[in-house]
Amino acid sequence: MLHRKIYQLCCDGREVCVFLRDQQRWIERARIIDIEGDLVTLRYETDEEDEICSWEEMVRLESIGAVTQKLASVPRGGIEPLVTDECPEAERIHNPYSDSNPD
């Protein structure tokens, strides 16, 4: 099941966070580049003191404990988020600080 989900995330090309059980660490903002057998190739960047480093790391499928992905984000403050007209009303995020009242 995890193998299928990781394959789907690889095809989608979305950013994910991966927890490696054997190393007890998270790899943040990674892309799953390839899956061959039980090896998963991840590509990600880290921000060191004065440089940005780009990494490509191969990990075993069995060492992956969790995979998370950001679904959405909304800026803080009194800014009204942009919403497409195609977004159903039930799925829209309403800003409690906006002047317009949907009721």
N, C-alpha and C. Protein backbone atom coordinates (compact mmCIF):
# COMPACT_ATOMS: atom_id res chain seq x y z
N MET A 1 0.82 -1.19 0.00
CA MET A 1 0.00 0.00 0.00
C MET A 1 0.87 1.26 0.00
N LEU A 2 1.88 1.33 0.87
CA LEU A 2 2.77 2.48 0.92
C LEU A 2 3.52 2.63 -0.41
N HIS A 3 3.91 1.51 -0.99
CA HIS A 3 4.62 1.54 -2.27
C HIS A 3 3.77 2.20 -3.35
N ARG A 4 2.48 1.85 -3.39
CA ARG A 4 1.57 2.45 -4.39
C ARG A 4 1.41 3.94 -4.16
N LYS A 5 1.27 4.35 -2.91
CA LYS A 5 1.09 5.77 -2.59
C LYS A 5 2.34 6.56 -2.94
N ILE A 6 3.50 6.03 -2.63
CA ILE A 6 4.76 6.71 -2.97
C ILE A 6 4.90 6.79 -4.49
N TYR A 7 4.51 5.76 -5.20
CA TYR A 7 4.55 5.80 -6.66
C TYR A 7 3.62 6.89 -7.19
N GLN A 8 2.44 7.01 -6.61
CA GLN A 8 1.50 8.06 -7.02
C GLN A 8 2.09 9.45 -6.76
N LEU A 9 2.72 9.66 -5.60
CA LEU A 9 3.35 10.94 -5.29
C LEU A 9 4.51 11.23 -6.23
N CYS A 10 5.23 10.19 -6.65
CA CYS A 10 6.31 10.35 -7.62
C CYS A 10 5.75 10.83 -8.95
N CYS A 11 4.66 10.25 -9.40
CA CYS A 11 4.03 10.63 -10.67
C CYS A 11 3.47 12.05 -10.60
N ASP A 12 2.92 12.44 -9.44
CA ASP A 12 2.35 13.78 -9.28
C ASP A 12 3.43 14.86 -9.24
N GLY A 13 4.62 14.53 -8.76
CA GLY A 13 5.70 15.50 -8.68
C GLY A 13 5.52 16.55 -7.60
N ARG A 14 4.69 16.27 -6.61
CA ARG A 14 4.43 17.24 -5.54
C ARG A 14 5.50 17.17 -4.47
N GLU A 15 5.66 18.28 -3.75
CA GLU A 15 6.59 18.30 -2.61
C GLU A 15 5.99 17.53 -1.45
N VAL A 16 6.85 16.77 -0.78
CA VAL A 16 6.42 15.99 0.38
C VAL A 16 7.47 16.11 1.48
N CYS A 17 7.09 15.73 2.68
CA CYS A 17 8.02 15.57 3.79
C CYS A 17 8.06 14.08 4.10
N VAL A 18 9.26 13.54 4.25
CA VAL A 18 9.44 12.11 4.46
C VAL A 18 10.15 11.88 5.79
N PHE A 19 9.59 11.00 6.62
CA PHE A 19 10.23 10.63 7.88
C PHE A 19 10.96 9.32 7.68
N LEU A 20 12.27 9.32 7.98
CA LEU A 20 13.08 8.11 7.89
C LEU A 20 13.20 7.50 9.28
N ARG A 21 12.58 6.33 9.44
CA ARG A 21 12.54 5.67 10.75
C ARG A 21 13.92 5.30 11.25
N ASP A 22 14.75 4.75 10.37
CA ASP A 22 16.06 4.26 10.81
C ASP A 22 17.01 5.40 11.22
N GLN A 23 16.79 6.60 10.68
CA GLN A 23 17.64 7.75 11.03
C GLN A 23 16.93 8.72 11.97
N GLN A 24 15.65 8.49 12.24
CA GLN A 24 14.86 9.35 13.12
C GLN A 24 14.96 10.82 12.71
N ARG A 25 14.73 11.09 11.42
CA ARG A 25 14.77 12.46 10.93
C ARG A 25 13.77 12.66 9.81
N TRP A 26 13.38 13.92 9.64
CA TRP A 26 12.48 14.32 8.57
C TRP A 26 13.29 14.93 7.43
N ILE A 27 12.92 14.62 6.21
CA ILE A 27 13.43 15.32 5.04
C ILE A 27 12.27 16.17 4.55
N GLU A 28 12.45 17.48 4.60
CA GLU A 28 11.35 18.40 4.27
C GLU A 28 11.46 18.90 2.84
N ARG A 29 10.32 19.21 2.27
CA ARG A 29 10.21 19.79 0.93
C ARG A 29 10.99 18.99 -0.11
N ALA A 30 10.76 17.68 -0.12
CA ALA A 30 11.44 16.78 -1.05
C ALA A 30 10.50 16.40 -2.19
N ARG A 31 11.09 16.00 -3.27
CA ARG A 31 10.33 15.43 -4.39
C ARG A 31 10.80 13.99 -4.57
N ILE A 32 9.84 13.10 -4.77
CA ILE A 32 10.17 11.71 -5.04
C ILE A 32 10.44 11.62 -6.54
N ILE A 33 11.69 11.36 -6.88
CA ILE A 33 12.12 11.39 -8.27
C ILE A 33 11.93 10.05 -8.96
N ASP A 34 12.24 8.95 -8.25
CA ASP A 34 12.22 7.64 -8.89
C ASP A 34 12.01 6.55 -7.85
N ILE A 35 11.45 5.44 -8.31
CA ILE A 35 11.31 4.25 -7.48
C ILE A 35 11.79 3.08 -8.32
N GLU A 36 12.78 2.36 -7.80
CA GLU A 36 13.28 1.16 -8.47
C GLU A 36 13.35 0.06 -7.44
N GLY A 37 12.50 -0.93 -7.57
CA GLY A 37 12.44 -2.01 -6.59
C GLY A 37 12.06 -1.44 -5.24
N ASP A 38 12.94 -1.61 -4.23
CA ASP A 38 12.65 -1.07 -2.91
C ASP A 38 13.46 0.19 -2.61
N LEU A 39 14.07 0.80 -3.65
CA LEU A 39 14.83 2.05 -3.48
C LEU A 39 14.02 3.24 -3.98
N VAL A 40 13.92 4.25 -3.13
CA VAL A 40 13.20 5.48 -3.45
C VAL A 40 14.23 6.61 -3.53
N THR A 41 14.23 7.35 -4.64
CA THR A 41 15.15 8.46 -4.80
C THR A 41 14.43 9.77 -4.48
N LEU A 42 15.00 10.52 -3.54
CA LEU A 42 14.44 11.80 -3.10
C LEU A 42 15.38 12.92 -3.53
N ARG A 43 14.82 14.05 -3.91
CA ARG A 43 15.62 15.24 -4.22
C ARG A 43 15.10 16.38 -3.36
N TYR A 44 16.02 17.08 -2.69
CA TYR A 44 15.61 18.17 -1.80
C TYR A 44 16.76 19.15 -1.62
N GLU A 45 16.47 20.30 -1.03
CA GLU A 45 17.47 21.32 -0.76
C GLU A 45 17.52 21.60 0.73
N THR A 46 18.71 21.96 1.20
CA THR A 46 18.87 22.41 2.58
C THR A 46 19.51 23.79 2.55
N ASP A 47 19.20 24.59 3.54
CA ASP A 47 19.74 25.94 3.64
C ASP A 47 20.79 25.94 4.74
N GLU A 48 22.04 25.84 4.34
CA GLU A 48 23.14 25.86 5.29
C GLU A 48 23.42 27.32 5.67
N GLU A 49 24.47 27.56 6.44
CA GLU A 49 24.77 28.91 6.94
C GLU A 49 24.83 29.96 5.83
N ASP A 50 25.62 29.72 4.82
CA ASP A 50 25.77 30.73 3.78
C ASP A 50 25.57 30.17 2.37
N GLU A 51 24.96 29.00 2.25
CA GLU A 51 24.73 28.41 0.94
C GLU A 51 23.51 27.49 0.96
N ILE A 52 22.95 27.31 -0.20
CA ILE A 52 21.85 26.36 -0.36
C ILE A 52 22.42 25.12 -1.03
N CYS A 53 22.21 23.97 -0.41
CA CYS A 53 22.74 22.71 -0.93
C CYS A 53 21.61 21.90 -1.52
N SER A 54 21.86 21.31 -2.67
CA SER A 54 20.88 20.44 -3.32
C SER A 54 21.32 19.00 -3.12
N TRP A 55 20.38 18.13 -2.72
CA TRP A 55 20.70 16.74 -2.40
C TRP A 55 19.84 15.79 -3.21
N GLU A 56 20.40 14.65 -3.52
CA GLU A 56 19.63 13.54 -4.06
C GLU A 56 20.02 12.34 -3.22
N GLU A 57 19.03 11.71 -2.63
CA GLU A 57 19.29 10.64 -1.66
C GLU A 57 18.44 9.43 -2.01
N MET A 58 19.04 8.25 -1.94
CA MET A 58 18.30 7.02 -2.17
C MET A 58 18.07 6.35 -0.81
N VAL A 59 16.82 6.03 -0.53
CA VAL A 59 16.48 5.38 0.74
C VAL A 59 15.67 4.12 0.44
N ARG A 60 15.75 3.18 1.34
CA ARG A 60 14.95 1.96 1.18
C ARG A 60 13.51 2.24 1.57
N LEU A 61 12.62 1.64 0.85
CA LEU A 61 11.19 1.81 1.10
C LEU A 61 10.83 1.45 2.54
N GLU A 62 11.45 0.42 3.07
CA GLU A 62 11.15 -0.03 4.44
C GLU A 62 11.59 0.97 5.50
N SER A 63 12.50 1.89 5.17
CA SER A 63 12.95 2.88 6.16
C SER A 63 12.03 4.10 6.22
N ILE A 64 11.10 4.21 5.29
CA ILE A 64 10.17 5.34 5.29
C ILE A 64 9.04 5.05 6.28
N GLY A 65 8.94 5.91 7.29
CA GLY A 65 7.93 5.73 8.33
C GLY A 65 6.67 6.53 8.07
N ALA A 66 6.81 7.68 7.41
CA ALA A 66 5.65 8.54 7.15
C ALA A 66 5.96 9.48 5.99
N VAL A 67 4.91 9.83 5.28
CA VAL A 67 5.02 10.81 4.20
C VAL A 67 3.88 11.80 4.39
N THR A 68 4.21 13.09 4.40
CA THR A 68 3.17 14.11 4.53
C THR A 68 3.30 15.07 3.36
N GLN A 69 2.18 15.72 3.05
CA GLN A 69 2.22 16.75 2.01
C GLN A 69 1.30 17.89 2.41
N LYS A 70 1.70 19.09 2.06
CA LYS A 70 0.90 20.28 2.37
C LYS A 70 -0.26 20.33 1.39
N LEU A 71 -1.46 20.45 1.92
CA LEU A 71 -2.64 20.53 1.07
C LEU A 71 -2.94 21.96 0.64
N ALA A 72 -2.78 22.89 1.56
CA ALA A 72 -3.07 24.29 1.25
C ALA A 72 -2.42 25.18 2.29
N SER A 73 -2.30 26.45 1.95
CA SER A 73 -1.82 27.43 2.91
C SER A 73 -2.54 28.74 2.66
N VAL A 74 -2.72 29.48 3.73
CA VAL A 74 -3.41 30.77 3.67
C VAL A 74 -2.54 31.78 4.40
N PRO A 75 -2.27 32.92 3.79
CA PRO A 75 -1.44 33.92 4.48
C PRO A 75 -2.15 34.46 5.71
N ARG A 76 -1.36 34.75 6.73
CA ARG A 76 -1.92 35.33 7.95
C ARG A 76 -2.18 36.81 7.76
N GLY A 77 -3.07 37.34 8.54
CA GLY A 77 -3.35 38.77 8.46
C GLY A 77 -4.70 39.01 7.82
N GLY A 78 -4.97 40.26 7.51
CA GLY A 78 -6.26 40.64 6.98
C GLY A 78 -6.35 40.54 5.47
N ILE A 79 -5.64 39.62 4.87
CA ILE A 79 -5.64 39.48 3.42
C ILE A 79 -6.68 38.43 3.02
N GLU A 80 -7.51 38.79 2.08
CA GLU A 80 -8.52 37.86 1.57
C GLU A 80 -7.85 36.92 0.57
N PRO A 81 -7.91 35.59 0.79
CA PRO A 81 -7.26 34.66 -0.13
C PRO A 81 -7.97 34.66 -1.49
N LEU A 82 -7.18 34.43 -2.54
CA LEU A 82 -7.74 34.32 -3.88
C LEU A 82 -8.44 32.98 -4.01
N VAL A 83 -9.66 33.00 -4.53
CA VAL A 83 -10.44 31.77 -4.69
C VAL A 83 -10.97 31.74 -6.10
N THR A 84 -10.79 30.64 -6.77
CA THR A 84 -11.30 30.49 -8.12
C THR A 84 -12.82 30.34 -8.09
N ASP A 85 -13.47 30.73 -9.16
CA ASP A 85 -14.93 30.59 -9.25
C ASP A 85 -15.36 29.13 -9.30
N GLU A 86 -14.43 28.24 -9.66
CA GLU A 86 -14.74 26.82 -9.78
C GLU A 86 -14.74 26.11 -8.43
N CYS A 87 -14.27 26.77 -7.38
CA CYS A 87 -14.20 26.16 -6.06
C CYS A 87 -15.61 26.10 -5.44
N PRO A 88 -16.07 24.90 -5.06
CA PRO A 88 -17.39 24.80 -4.44
C PRO A 88 -17.46 25.61 -3.14
N GLU A 89 -18.60 26.18 -2.86
CA GLU A 89 -18.80 27.02 -1.68
C GLU A 89 -18.43 26.28 -0.39
N ALA A 90 -18.75 24.98 -0.31
CA ALA A 90 -18.49 24.20 0.89
C ALA A 90 -16.99 24.05 1.17
N GLU A 91 -16.14 24.17 0.13
CA GLU A 91 -14.70 23.98 0.29
C GLU A 91 -13.94 25.29 0.42
N ARG A 92 -14.63 26.41 0.35
CA ARG A 92 -13.96 27.71 0.43
C ARG A 92 -13.56 28.04 1.85
N ILE A 93 -12.43 28.69 1.99
CA ILE A 93 -11.94 29.15 3.28
C ILE A 93 -12.42 30.58 3.46
N HIS A 94 -13.16 30.81 4.52
CA HIS A 94 -13.68 32.15 4.77
C HIS A 94 -12.82 32.85 5.80
N ASN A 95 -12.42 34.05 5.49
CA ASN A 95 -11.57 34.84 6.37
C ASN A 95 -12.46 35.53 7.41
N PRO A 96 -12.27 35.22 8.70
CA PRO A 96 -13.11 35.84 9.72
C PRO A 96 -12.86 37.34 9.86
N TYR A 97 -11.76 37.83 9.29
CA TYR A 97 -11.41 39.24 9.42
C TYR A 97 -11.89 40.08 8.24
N SER A 98 -12.50 39.43 7.23
CA SER A 98 -12.93 40.19 6.06
C SER A 98 -14.22 40.96 6.38
N ASP A 99 -14.45 42.02 5.59
CA ASP A 99 -15.63 42.86 5.79
C ASP A 99 -16.89 42.21 5.26
N SER A 100 -16.74 41.35 4.26
CA SER A 100 -17.93 40.72 3.69
C SER A 100 -18.40 39.58 4.56
N ASN A 101 -19.68 39.48 4.78
CA ASN A 101 -20.28 38.46 5.59
C ASN A 101 -21.10 37.56 4.71
N PRO A 102 -20.77 36.24 4.60
CA PRO A 102 -21.48 35.33 3.69
C PRO A 102 -22.91 35.03 4.13
N ASP A 103 -23.29 35.39 5.35
CA ASP A 103 -24.63 35.06 5.85
C ASP A 103 -25.69 35.98 5.33
